Amino acid sequence: MRKVVAFLGILVLSSLYAGPRYSAGAEPSLKIGYVDLQKAARESKAGKEAFALLKKDFDQKQAIIEKRQNEIQKLQGELNQQGLLLTEESKKDKEEVYVKKLKDLKRYIDDSNQELQKKEKELTQKIFLELVKIIDKIGKEGQYTLIFERQEGLLYASQAIDVTDEVMKRYDQQGNQSAQSAAPAPASSPPASPPKK
């Protein structure tokens, strides 16, 4: 995520460097601000709604994983309890089913993790790009010389020049269009691991 923030920080700066244009001999006034992109993405109403959709997708996958885990544990219990009573052929069949279910579950967990990570990355990038457009507009309207990204090497800055709240306000007002298309939204914790034999 830090790489994305760094890249977008460059976008913010480069877009603001393009203007305003001063006439020859005029003394330009320096106006500086900063924004916390991660805060704007996570704490804005629009951002929260988008990530809530991803969380819903995560919860659905987690429920499927838990259901499959229970099936595997039940089958394992049957093998432990009935092992001596089963014929060699029946025991072999159950063991094959057990191994297949275990492999399928592991594959599903791996695929789900990759899918959720990809969705979260795409969602975060889309939200950040939306925020950069808003920051660019604020910069031009407010005649800012520079707007920095809070997380990228900014050791101190007065809260008086923090434009994060204004960015969040405008973002919520315009709605979260591209983020909605990327939903659902973050897998903050990995799905459960398959049960041990």
N, C-alpha and C. Protein backbone atom coordinates (compact mmCIF):
# COMPACT_ATOMS: atom_id res chain seq x y z
N MET A 1 0.82 -1.20 0.00
CA MET A 1 0.00 0.00 0.00
C MET A 1 0.86 1.25 0.00
N ARG A 2 2.01 1.22 0.68
CA ARG A 2 2.89 2.37 0.74
C ARG A 2 3.39 2.76 -0.64
N LYS A 3 3.63 1.74 -1.53
CA LYS A 3 4.07 2.03 -2.89
C LYS A 3 2.99 2.78 -3.64
N VAL A 4 1.72 2.37 -3.44
CA VAL A 4 0.61 3.04 -4.09
C VAL A 4 0.53 4.48 -3.62
N VAL A 5 0.66 4.67 -2.28
CA VAL A 5 0.60 6.02 -1.72
C VAL A 5 1.71 6.89 -2.27
N ALA A 6 2.93 6.33 -2.36
CA ALA A 6 4.07 7.08 -2.88
C ALA A 6 3.81 7.51 -4.32
N PHE A 7 3.29 6.61 -5.13
CA PHE A 7 3.00 6.90 -6.53
C PHE A 7 1.96 8.00 -6.64
N LEU A 8 0.90 7.89 -5.82
CA LEU A 8 -0.16 8.88 -5.89
C LEU A 8 0.30 10.22 -5.33
N GLY A 9 1.21 10.17 -4.36
CA GLY A 9 1.78 11.41 -3.85
C GLY A 9 2.48 12.18 -4.94
N ILE A 10 3.16 11.46 -5.82
CA ILE A 10 3.83 12.07 -6.97
C ILE A 10 2.80 12.69 -7.91
N LEU A 11 1.67 11.98 -8.09
CA LEU A 11 0.61 12.51 -8.95
C LEU A 11 0.07 13.82 -8.41
N VAL A 12 -0.14 13.87 -7.08
CA VAL A 12 -0.66 15.09 -6.47
C VAL A 12 0.29 16.24 -6.71
N LEU A 13 1.59 16.01 -6.44
CA LEU A 13 2.58 17.07 -6.58
C LEU A 13 2.72 17.52 -8.03
N SER A 14 2.78 16.55 -8.95
CA SER A 14 3.00 16.90 -10.35
C SER A 14 1.83 17.68 -10.92
N SER A 15 0.60 17.32 -10.50
CA SER A 15 -0.56 18.03 -11.01
C SER A 15 -0.60 19.46 -10.50
N LEU A 16 -0.12 19.66 -9.27
CA LEU A 16 -0.14 21.01 -8.72
C LEU A 16 1.00 21.86 -9.26
N TYR A 17 2.12 21.20 -9.60
CA TYR A 17 3.24 21.94 -10.18
C TYR A 17 2.85 22.55 -11.53
N ALA A 18 1.84 21.97 -12.17
CA ALA A 18 1.43 22.46 -13.48
C ALA A 18 0.78 23.85 -13.40
N GLY A 19 0.41 24.29 -12.23
CA GLY A 19 -0.21 25.60 -12.09
C GLY A 19 -0.12 26.03 -10.65
N PRO A 20 -0.45 27.26 -10.30
CA PRO A 20 -0.89 28.27 -11.27
C PRO A 20 0.27 28.92 -12.00
N ARG A 21 -0.07 29.66 -13.08
CA ARG A 21 0.95 30.37 -13.85
C ARG A 21 1.03 31.82 -13.35
N TYR A 22 2.24 32.28 -13.10
CA TYR A 22 2.43 33.64 -12.63
C TYR A 22 3.03 34.49 -13.74
N SER A 23 2.62 35.73 -13.78
CA SER A 23 3.17 36.63 -14.79
C SER A 23 4.58 37.02 -14.40
N ALA A 24 5.36 37.40 -15.38
CA ALA A 24 6.76 37.77 -15.14
C ALA A 24 6.83 38.92 -14.16
N GLY A 25 7.72 38.81 -13.20
CA GLY A 25 7.93 39.87 -12.23
C GLY A 25 7.04 39.77 -11.02
N ALA A 26 5.98 38.96 -11.07
CA ALA A 26 5.08 38.81 -9.92
C ALA A 26 5.73 37.94 -8.87
N GLU A 27 5.46 38.24 -7.62
CA GLU A 27 6.02 37.47 -6.51
C GLU A 27 4.98 36.44 -6.08
N PRO A 28 5.18 35.15 -6.41
CA PRO A 28 4.17 34.15 -6.07
C PRO A 28 4.10 33.91 -4.56
N SER A 29 2.88 33.77 -4.05
CA SER A 29 2.71 33.44 -2.63
C SER A 29 2.74 31.93 -2.48
N LEU A 30 3.41 31.46 -1.44
CA LEU A 30 3.56 30.03 -1.21
C LEU A 30 2.44 29.53 -0.31
N LYS A 31 1.64 28.61 -0.80
CA LYS A 31 0.55 28.03 -0.01
C LYS A 31 0.71 26.51 -0.03
N ILE A 32 0.88 25.94 1.15
CA ILE A 32 1.17 24.51 1.27
C ILE A 32 0.11 23.82 2.12
N GLY A 33 -0.23 22.60 1.74
CA GLY A 33 -1.15 21.78 2.52
C GLY A 33 -0.68 20.34 2.51
N TYR A 34 -1.34 19.52 3.31
CA TYR A 34 -1.03 18.09 3.27
C TYR A 34 -2.31 17.29 3.47
N VAL A 35 -2.27 16.03 3.03
CA VAL A 35 -3.43 15.16 3.15
C VAL A 35 -2.97 13.77 3.56
N ASP A 36 -3.76 13.13 4.40
CA ASP A 36 -3.51 11.74 4.80
C ASP A 36 -4.40 10.86 3.93
N LEU A 37 -3.82 10.31 2.87
CA LEU A 37 -4.61 9.52 1.91
C LEU A 37 -5.20 8.27 2.54
N GLN A 38 -4.43 7.60 3.40
CA GLN A 38 -4.94 6.38 4.01
C GLN A 38 -6.12 6.67 4.92
N LYS A 39 -6.04 7.75 5.67
CA LYS A 39 -7.16 8.14 6.53
C LYS A 39 -8.39 8.47 5.69
N ALA A 40 -8.19 9.22 4.63
CA ALA A 40 -9.31 9.59 3.76
C ALA A 40 -9.96 8.36 3.14
N ALA A 41 -9.14 7.38 2.78
CA ALA A 41 -9.66 6.16 2.15
C ALA A 41 -10.41 5.29 3.15
N ARG A 42 -9.89 5.17 4.37
CA ARG A 42 -10.45 4.25 5.36
C ARG A 42 -11.56 4.86 6.20
N GLU A 43 -11.51 6.18 6.45
CA GLU A 43 -12.44 6.79 7.39
C GLU A 43 -13.55 7.60 6.73
N SER A 44 -13.44 7.85 5.45
CA SER A 44 -14.54 8.54 4.77
C SER A 44 -15.73 7.60 4.68
N LYS A 45 -16.90 8.16 4.61
CA LYS A 45 -18.12 7.35 4.52
C LYS A 45 -18.09 6.48 3.27
N ALA A 46 -17.69 7.09 2.15
CA ALA A 46 -17.64 6.35 0.88
C ALA A 46 -16.63 5.21 0.95
N GLY A 47 -15.47 5.48 1.57
CA GLY A 47 -14.44 4.44 1.70
C GLY A 47 -14.90 3.30 2.58
N LYS A 48 -15.54 3.64 3.71
CA LYS A 48 -16.04 2.61 4.62
C LYS A 48 -17.06 1.71 3.94
N GLU A 49 -17.94 2.32 3.15
CA GLU A 49 -18.96 1.54 2.45
C GLU A 49 -18.32 0.56 1.47
N ALA A 50 -17.30 1.02 0.77
CA ALA A 50 -16.63 0.17 -0.22
C ALA A 50 -15.92 -1.00 0.46
N PHE A 51 -15.19 -0.71 1.53
CA PHE A 51 -14.46 -1.77 2.22
C PHE A 51 -15.41 -2.72 2.95
N ALA A 52 -16.58 -2.22 3.34
CA ALA A 52 -17.58 -3.09 3.97
C ALA A 52 -18.07 -4.14 2.98
N LEU A 53 -18.16 -3.77 1.71
CA LEU A 53 -18.57 -4.72 0.68
C LEU A 53 -17.52 -5.81 0.50
N LEU A 54 -16.26 -5.43 0.58
CA LEU A 54 -15.19 -6.43 0.48
C LEU A 54 -15.19 -7.36 1.69
N LYS A 55 -15.48 -6.77 2.87
CA LYS A 55 -15.56 -7.57 4.10
C LYS A 55 -16.69 -8.59 3.99
N LYS A 56 -17.78 -8.20 3.35
CA LYS A 56 -18.91 -9.11 3.16
C LYS A 56 -18.48 -10.30 2.30
N ASP A 57 -17.72 -10.02 1.25
CA ASP A 57 -17.21 -11.09 0.38
C ASP A 57 -16.29 -12.02 1.17
N PHE A 58 -15.44 -11.43 2.01
CA PHE A 58 -14.55 -12.23 2.85
C PHE A 58 -15.35 -13.14 3.79
N ASP A 59 -16.38 -12.58 4.43
CA ASP A 59 -17.19 -13.36 5.37
C ASP A 59 -17.88 -14.54 4.68
N GLN A 60 -18.33 -14.32 3.45
CA GLN A 60 -18.99 -15.39 2.70
C GLN A 60 -18.01 -16.53 2.42
N LYS A 61 -16.82 -16.18 2.03
CA LYS A 61 -15.80 -17.20 1.76
C LYS A 61 -15.40 -17.91 3.05
N GLN A 62 -15.30 -17.17 4.13
CA GLN A 62 -14.93 -17.76 5.41
C GLN A 62 -15.98 -18.77 5.86
N ALA A 63 -17.26 -18.47 5.62
CA ALA A 63 -18.34 -19.38 5.99
C ALA A 63 -18.24 -20.69 5.20
N ILE A 64 -17.90 -20.58 3.92
CA ILE A 64 -17.73 -21.78 3.09
C ILE A 64 -16.57 -22.62 3.60
N ILE A 65 -15.48 -21.96 3.97
CA ILE A 65 -14.30 -22.67 4.49
C ILE A 65 -14.63 -23.41 5.77
N GLU A 66 -15.35 -22.74 6.68
CA GLU A 66 -15.70 -23.37 7.95
C GLU A 66 -16.62 -24.57 7.74
N LYS A 67 -17.53 -24.46 6.78
CA LYS A 67 -18.43 -25.58 6.48
C LYS A 67 -17.63 -26.78 5.97
N ARG A 68 -16.69 -26.53 5.08
CA ARG A 68 -15.85 -27.62 4.54
C ARG A 68 -14.96 -28.21 5.63
N GLN A 69 -14.47 -27.36 6.52
CA GLN A 69 -13.65 -27.86 7.62
C GLN A 69 -14.45 -28.83 8.49
N ASN A 70 -15.69 -28.45 8.77
CA ASN A 70 -16.54 -29.31 9.60
C ASN A 70 -16.79 -30.66 8.93
N GLU A 71 -16.98 -30.64 7.62
CA GLU A 71 -17.19 -31.89 6.88
C GLU A 71 -15.96 -32.78 6.96
N ILE A 72 -14.79 -32.17 6.83
CA ILE A 72 -13.53 -32.93 6.89
C ILE A 72 -13.31 -33.49 8.29
N GLN A 73 -13.59 -32.69 9.31
CA GLN A 73 -13.42 -33.15 10.68
C GLN A 73 -14.37 -34.29 11.01
N LYS A 74 -15.59 -34.21 10.46
CA LYS A 74 -16.56 -35.29 10.67
C LYS A 74 -16.07 -36.57 10.02
N LEU A 75 -15.55 -36.46 8.81
CA LEU A 75 -15.04 -37.63 8.10
C LEU A 75 -13.83 -38.21 8.82
N GLN A 76 -12.99 -37.36 9.35
CA GLN A 76 -11.83 -37.81 10.11
C GLN A 76 -12.27 -38.57 11.36
N GLY A 77 -13.32 -38.06 12.01
CA GLY A 77 -13.85 -38.73 13.20
C GLY A 77 -14.40 -40.11 12.87
N GLU A 78 -15.07 -40.21 11.73
CA GLU A 78 -15.61 -41.51 11.31
C GLU A 78 -14.49 -42.51 11.05
N LEU A 79 -13.43 -42.04 10.43
CA LEU A 79 -12.29 -42.92 10.17
C LEU A 79 -11.65 -43.40 11.47
N ASN A 80 -11.54 -42.50 12.43
CA ASN A 80 -10.93 -42.87 13.71
C ASN A 80 -11.79 -43.87 14.49
N GLN A 81 -13.11 -43.67 14.45
CA GLN A 81 -14.01 -44.51 15.22
C GLN A 81 -14.31 -45.85 14.54
N GLN A 82 -14.41 -45.82 13.22
CA GLN A 82 -14.84 -47.02 12.50
C GLN A 82 -13.69 -47.73 11.79
N GLY A 83 -12.49 -47.21 11.95
CA GLY A 83 -11.35 -47.75 11.22
C GLY A 83 -11.20 -49.25 11.32
N LEU A 84 -11.34 -49.79 12.52
CA LEU A 84 -11.14 -51.22 12.73
C LEU A 84 -12.31 -52.05 12.22
N LEU A 85 -13.48 -51.41 12.08
CA LEU A 85 -14.68 -52.13 11.65
C LEU A 85 -14.86 -52.14 10.14
N LEU A 86 -14.18 -51.23 9.47
CA LEU A 86 -14.34 -51.12 8.02
C LEU A 86 -13.50 -52.16 7.29
N THR A 87 -13.99 -52.56 6.13
CA THR A 87 -13.18 -53.42 5.27
C THR A 87 -12.04 -52.57 4.70
N GLU A 88 -11.02 -53.23 4.21
CA GLU A 88 -9.89 -52.50 3.65
C GLU A 88 -10.32 -51.59 2.50
N GLU A 89 -11.25 -52.09 1.70
CA GLU A 89 -11.72 -51.32 0.55
C GLU A 89 -12.50 -50.08 1.00
N SER A 90 -13.41 -50.27 1.99
CA SER A 90 -14.20 -49.15 2.50
C SER A 90 -13.31 -48.11 3.17
N LYS A 91 -12.34 -48.60 3.93
CA LYS A 91 -11.42 -47.70 4.61
C LYS A 91 -10.61 -46.89 3.59
N LYS A 92 -10.17 -47.56 2.54
CA LYS A 92 -9.38 -46.90 1.50
C LYS A 92 -10.21 -45.83 0.80
N ASP A 93 -11.49 -46.15 0.53
CA ASP A 93 -12.37 -45.19 -0.14
C ASP A 93 -12.56 -43.94 0.71
N LYS A 94 -12.81 -44.14 2.01
CA LYS A 94 -13.00 -43.00 2.91
C LYS A 94 -11.74 -42.15 3.02
N GLU A 95 -10.61 -42.82 3.06
CA GLU A 95 -9.34 -42.09 3.16
C GLU A 95 -9.09 -41.26 1.90
N GLU A 96 -9.45 -41.82 0.75
CA GLU A 96 -9.29 -41.09 -0.51
C GLU A 96 -10.20 -39.86 -0.55
N VAL A 97 -11.42 -40.04 -0.06
CA VAL A 97 -12.36 -38.92 0.00
C VAL A 97 -11.83 -37.84 0.94
N TYR A 98 -11.29 -38.29 2.08
CA TYR A 98 -10.73 -37.36 3.07
C TYR A 98 -9.58 -36.54 2.47
N VAL A 99 -8.66 -37.22 1.82
CA VAL A 99 -7.50 -36.55 1.22
C VAL A 99 -7.94 -35.57 0.13
N LYS A 100 -8.91 -35.98 -0.68
CA LYS A 100 -9.40 -35.11 -1.76
C LYS A 100 -10.05 -33.84 -1.18
N LYS A 101 -10.89 -34.03 -0.16
CA LYS A 101 -11.55 -32.88 0.46
C LYS A 101 -10.53 -31.93 1.07
N LEU A 102 -9.49 -32.50 1.67
CA LEU A 102 -8.45 -31.69 2.29
C LEU A 102 -7.70 -30.87 1.24
N LYS A 103 -7.37 -31.51 0.11
CA LYS A 103 -6.67 -30.81 -0.97
C LYS A 103 -7.56 -29.73 -1.58
N ASP A 104 -8.84 -30.06 -1.77
CA ASP A 104 -9.77 -29.09 -2.35
C ASP A 104 -9.92 -27.87 -1.44
N LEU A 105 -9.96 -28.12 -0.13
CA LEU A 105 -10.08 -27.02 0.82
C LEU A 105 -8.85 -26.12 0.77
N LYS A 106 -7.69 -26.73 0.75
CA LYS A 106 -6.45 -25.94 0.69
C LYS A 106 -6.41 -25.10 -0.57
N ARG A 107 -6.82 -25.69 -1.69
CA ARG A 107 -6.84 -24.96 -2.96
C ARG A 107 -7.82 -23.79 -2.89
N TYR A 108 -8.98 -24.05 -2.27
CA TYR A 108 -10.00 -23.00 -2.15
C TYR A 108 -9.49 -21.85 -1.28
N ILE A 109 -8.81 -22.18 -0.19
CA ILE A 109 -8.25 -21.16 0.69
C ILE A 109 -7.22 -20.31 -0.05
N ASP A 110 -6.32 -20.98 -0.78
CA ASP A 110 -5.29 -20.26 -1.53
C ASP A 110 -5.91 -19.35 -2.60
N ASP A 111 -6.89 -19.89 -3.33
CA ASP A 111 -7.55 -19.10 -4.38
C ASP A 111 -8.30 -17.92 -3.79
N SER A 112 -8.97 -18.15 -2.65
CA SER A 112 -9.74 -17.08 -2.00
C SER A 112 -8.82 -15.97 -1.52
N ASN A 113 -7.70 -16.35 -0.92
CA ASN A 113 -6.74 -15.35 -0.46
C ASN A 113 -6.23 -14.49 -1.61
N GLN A 114 -5.87 -15.14 -2.72
CA GLN A 114 -5.37 -14.40 -3.88
C GLN A 114 -6.44 -13.47 -4.45
N GLU A 115 -7.66 -13.98 -4.52
CA GLU A 115 -8.76 -13.18 -5.06
C GLU A 115 -9.04 -11.96 -4.19
N LEU A 116 -9.09 -12.17 -2.87
CA LEU A 116 -9.38 -11.07 -1.96
C LEU A 116 -8.26 -10.03 -1.94
N GLN A 117 -7.02 -10.50 -2.00
CA GLN A 117 -5.89 -9.58 -2.03
C GLN A 117 -5.91 -8.73 -3.30
N LYS A 118 -6.25 -9.37 -4.42
CA LYS A 118 -6.34 -8.65 -5.69
C LYS A 118 -7.45 -7.61 -5.64
N LYS A 119 -8.61 -8.00 -5.09
CA LYS A 119 -9.73 -7.08 -5.00
C LYS A 119 -9.40 -5.89 -4.10
N GLU A 120 -8.73 -6.18 -2.98
CA GLU A 120 -8.38 -5.10 -2.05
C GLU A 120 -7.40 -4.13 -2.71
N LYS A 121 -6.43 -4.67 -3.43
CA LYS A 121 -5.45 -3.81 -4.11
C LYS A 121 -6.13 -2.94 -5.16
N GLU A 122 -7.00 -3.54 -5.97
CA GLU A 122 -7.70 -2.79 -7.01
C GLU A 122 -8.60 -1.73 -6.39
N LEU A 123 -9.29 -2.11 -5.31
CA LEU A 123 -10.19 -1.18 -4.65
C LEU A 123 -9.43 0.01 -4.07
N THR A 124 -8.31 -0.28 -3.41
CA THR A 124 -7.50 0.78 -2.81
C THR A 124 -6.97 1.73 -3.87
N GLN A 125 -6.49 1.18 -4.99
CA GLN A 125 -5.97 2.02 -6.07
C GLN A 125 -7.06 2.91 -6.65
N LYS A 126 -8.25 2.36 -6.84
CA LYS A 126 -9.34 3.14 -7.41
C LYS A 126 -9.75 4.27 -6.46
N ILE A 127 -9.83 3.96 -5.17
CA ILE A 127 -10.20 4.99 -4.20
C ILE A 127 -9.14 6.09 -4.18
N PHE A 128 -7.87 5.69 -4.16
CA PHE A 128 -6.80 6.68 -4.13
C PHE A 128 -6.82 7.57 -5.38
N LEU A 129 -7.10 6.99 -6.54
CA LEU A 129 -7.16 7.79 -7.76
C LEU A 129 -8.33 8.78 -7.71
N GLU A 130 -9.44 8.36 -7.11
CA GLU A 130 -10.58 9.26 -6.93
C GLU A 130 -10.21 10.41 -6.00
N LEU A 131 -9.48 10.06 -4.93
CA LEU A 131 -9.06 11.08 -3.96
C LEU A 131 -8.08 12.08 -4.59
N VAL A 132 -7.19 11.58 -5.43
CA VAL A 132 -6.21 12.47 -6.09
C VAL A 132 -6.92 13.49 -6.97
N LYS A 133 -7.99 13.08 -7.64
CA LYS A 133 -8.75 14.02 -8.47
C LYS A 133 -9.36 15.13 -7.61
N ILE A 134 -9.85 14.73 -6.44
CA ILE A 134 -10.44 15.71 -5.52
C ILE A 134 -9.36 16.66 -5.00
N ILE A 135 -8.20 16.08 -4.64
CA ILE A 135 -7.08 16.89 -4.13
C ILE A 135 -6.61 17.88 -5.20
N ASP A 136 -6.56 17.43 -6.43
CA ASP A 136 -6.16 18.29 -7.54
C ASP A 136 -7.11 19.48 -7.67
N LYS A 137 -8.41 19.19 -7.52
CA LYS A 137 -9.41 20.25 -7.61
C LYS A 137 -9.28 21.23 -6.45
N ILE A 138 -9.07 20.69 -5.23
CA ILE A 138 -8.89 21.55 -4.05
C ILE A 138 -7.64 22.42 -4.23
N GLY A 139 -6.58 21.81 -4.76
CA GLY A 139 -5.34 22.55 -4.96
C GLY A 139 -5.51 23.72 -5.92
N LYS A 140 -6.24 23.49 -7.00
CA LYS A 140 -6.44 24.54 -8.00
C LYS A 140 -7.39 25.62 -7.48
N GLU A 141 -8.49 25.18 -6.83
CA GLU A 141 -9.46 26.15 -6.32
C GLU A 141 -8.86 26.99 -5.20
N GLY A 142 -8.05 26.35 -4.34
CA GLY A 142 -7.46 27.06 -3.21
C GLY A 142 -6.13 27.71 -3.54
N GLN A 143 -5.70 27.59 -4.79
CA GLN A 143 -4.44 28.16 -5.26
C GLN A 143 -3.25 27.70 -4.40
N TYR A 144 -3.23 26.39 -4.14
CA TYR A 144 -2.12 25.80 -3.39
C TYR A 144 -0.90 25.68 -4.30
N THR A 145 0.27 25.91 -3.72
CA THR A 145 1.52 25.67 -4.44
C THR A 145 1.88 24.20 -4.39
N LEU A 146 1.71 23.59 -3.20
CA LEU A 146 2.02 22.17 -2.99
C LEU A 146 1.02 21.56 -2.02
N ILE A 147 0.66 20.30 -2.26
CA ILE A 147 -0.07 19.51 -1.27
C ILE A 147 0.68 18.19 -1.12
N PHE A 148 1.20 17.95 0.07
CA PHE A 148 2.00 16.75 0.34
C PHE A 148 1.12 15.61 0.84
N GLU A 149 1.65 14.38 0.72
CA GLU A 149 1.00 13.20 1.30
C GLU A 149 1.57 13.01 2.71
N ARG A 150 0.70 12.88 3.70
CA ARG A 150 1.10 12.87 5.11
C ARG A 150 2.07 11.75 5.45
N GLN A 151 1.90 10.57 4.87
CA GLN A 151 2.68 9.41 5.26
C GLN A 151 4.08 9.37 4.63
N GLU A 152 4.32 10.20 3.64
CA GLU A 152 5.56 10.10 2.88
C GLU A 152 6.61 11.10 3.34
N GLY A 153 7.27 10.79 4.46
CA GLY A 153 8.42 11.58 4.90
C GLY A 153 8.09 12.94 5.49
N LEU A 154 6.84 13.19 5.84
CA LEU A 154 6.46 14.47 6.44
C LEU A 154 6.58 14.34 7.95
N LEU A 155 7.67 14.88 8.52
CA LEU A 155 7.95 14.71 9.95
C LEU A 155 7.09 15.61 10.82
N TYR A 156 6.81 16.81 10.35
CA TYR A 156 5.94 17.71 11.12
C TYR A 156 5.20 18.64 10.17
N ALA A 157 3.94 18.88 10.50
CA ALA A 157 3.15 19.86 9.77
C ALA A 157 2.01 20.31 10.67
N SER A 158 1.71 21.58 10.67
CA SER A 158 0.62 22.10 11.48
C SER A 158 -0.71 21.58 10.97
N GLN A 159 -1.62 21.29 11.89
CA GLN A 159 -2.95 20.82 11.50
C GLN A 159 -3.73 21.89 10.74
N ALA A 160 -3.26 23.12 10.85
CA ALA A 160 -3.93 24.22 10.16
C ALA A 160 -3.88 24.06 8.65
N ILE A 161 -2.88 23.31 8.15
CA ILE A 161 -2.77 23.13 6.70
C ILE A 161 -3.18 21.72 6.26
N ASP A 162 -3.83 20.99 7.16
CA ASP A 162 -4.31 19.64 6.85
C ASP A 162 -5.62 19.75 6.08
N VAL A 163 -5.65 19.25 4.85
CA VAL A 163 -6.86 19.32 4.02
C VAL A 163 -7.58 17.98 3.95
N THR A 164 -7.18 17.03 4.81
CA THR A 164 -7.77 15.69 4.76
C THR A 164 -9.28 15.71 4.97
N ASP A 165 -9.75 16.47 5.96
CA ASP A 165 -11.19 16.52 6.24
C ASP A 165 -11.97 17.07 5.06
N GLU A 166 -11.40 18.07 4.39
CA GLU A 166 -12.06 18.64 3.22
C GLU A 166 -12.11 17.62 2.08
N VAL A 167 -11.04 16.86 1.93
CA VAL A 167 -11.01 15.81 0.90
C VAL A 167 -12.08 14.76 1.20
N MET A 168 -12.17 14.33 2.46
CA MET A 168 -13.16 13.33 2.86
C MET A 168 -14.58 13.85 2.65
N LYS A 169 -14.80 15.11 2.99
CA LYS A 169 -16.12 15.72 2.83
C LYS A 169 -16.56 15.71 1.37
N ARG A 170 -15.67 16.12 0.50
CA ARG A 170 -16.00 16.16 -0.93
C ARG A 170 -16.17 14.75 -1.50
N TYR A 171 -15.35 13.84 -1.01
CA TYR A 171 -15.43 12.46 -1.49
C TYR A 171 -16.79 11.85 -1.13
N ASP A 172 -17.25 12.11 0.09
CA ASP A 172 -18.55 11.60 0.52
C ASP A 172 -19.68 12.26 -0.26
N GLN A 173 -19.52 13.53 -0.59
CA GLN A 173 -20.56 14.25 -1.33
C GLN A 173 -20.71 13.73 -2.76
N GLN A 174 -19.59 13.42 -3.39
CA GLN A 174 -19.65 12.98 -4.79
C GLN A 174 -20.01 11.51 -4.91
N GLY A 175 -19.87 10.74 -3.82
CA GLY A 175 -20.15 9.31 -3.87
C GLY A 175 -18.93 8.55 -4.32
N ASN A 176 -19.03 7.24 -4.15
CA ASN A 176 -17.87 6.36 -4.38
C ASN A 176 -18.15 5.47 -5.58
N GLN A 177 -18.07 6.03 -6.79
CA GLN A 177 -18.53 5.33 -7.98
C GLN A 177 -17.64 4.16 -8.38
N SER A 178 -16.38 4.42 -8.62
CA SER A 178 -15.51 3.34 -9.09
C SER A 178 -15.22 2.34 -7.98
N ALA A 179 -15.23 2.79 -6.72
CA ALA A 179 -15.01 1.86 -5.62
C ALA A 179 -16.16 0.87 -5.52
N GLN A 180 -17.38 1.34 -5.80
CA GLN A 180 -18.53 0.44 -5.76
C GLN A 180 -18.39 -0.66 -6.81
N SER A 181 -17.84 -0.30 -7.95
CA SER A 181 -17.68 -1.29 -9.01
C SER A 181 -16.62 -2.32 -8.68
N ALA A 182 -15.72 -1.98 -7.77
CA ALA A 182 -14.64 -2.90 -7.39
C ALA A 182 -15.03 -3.79 -6.23
N ALA A 183 -16.16 -3.51 -5.60
CA ALA A 183 -16.56 -4.26 -4.42
C ALA A 183 -16.89 -5.71 -4.80
N PRO A 184 -17.09 -6.61 -3.92
CA PRO A 184 -16.90 -6.37 -2.54
C PRO A 184 -15.46 -6.22 -2.10
N ALA A 185 -15.31 -5.86 -0.25
CA ALA A 185 -14.11 -5.21 0.25
C ALA A 185 -13.63 -5.57 1.46
N PRO A 186 -11.61 -5.05 3.50
CA PRO A 186 -10.44 -5.77 3.31
C PRO A 186 -10.35 -7.05 4.02
N ALA A 187 -9.73 -7.94 3.31
CA ALA A 187 -9.53 -9.15 4.07
C ALA A 187 -8.43 -8.88 5.07
N SER A 188 -8.84 -8.40 6.26
CA SER A 188 -7.85 -7.99 7.24
C SER A 188 -7.11 -9.15 7.87
N SER A 189 -7.78 -10.31 7.87
CA SER A 189 -7.12 -11.50 8.41
C SER A 189 -7.29 -12.64 7.43
N PRO A 190 -6.32 -13.55 7.31
CA PRO A 190 -6.40 -14.63 6.33
C PRO A 190 -7.44 -15.65 6.71
N PRO A 191 -8.04 -16.33 5.74
CA PRO A 191 -8.98 -17.39 6.05
C PRO A 191 -8.32 -18.47 6.88
N ALA A 192 -9.16 -19.24 7.55
CA ALA A 192 -8.64 -20.27 8.44
C ALA A 192 -7.85 -21.31 7.67
N SER A 193 -6.87 -21.90 8.32
CA SER A 193 -6.05 -22.94 7.71
C SER A 193 -6.80 -24.26 7.75
N PRO A 194 -6.50 -25.17 6.84
CA PRO A 194 -7.16 -26.46 6.84
C PRO A 194 -6.80 -27.24 8.09
N PRO A 195 -7.71 -28.10 8.57
CA PRO A 195 -7.46 -28.85 9.79
C PRO A 195 -6.30 -29.81 9.63
N LYS A 196 -5.61 -30.04 10.72
CA LYS A 196 -4.51 -30.99 10.70
C LYS A 196 -5.03 -32.41 10.84
N LYS A 197 -4.28 -33.34 10.25
CA LYS A 197 -4.66 -34.74 10.40
C LYS A 197 -4.43 -35.19 11.83
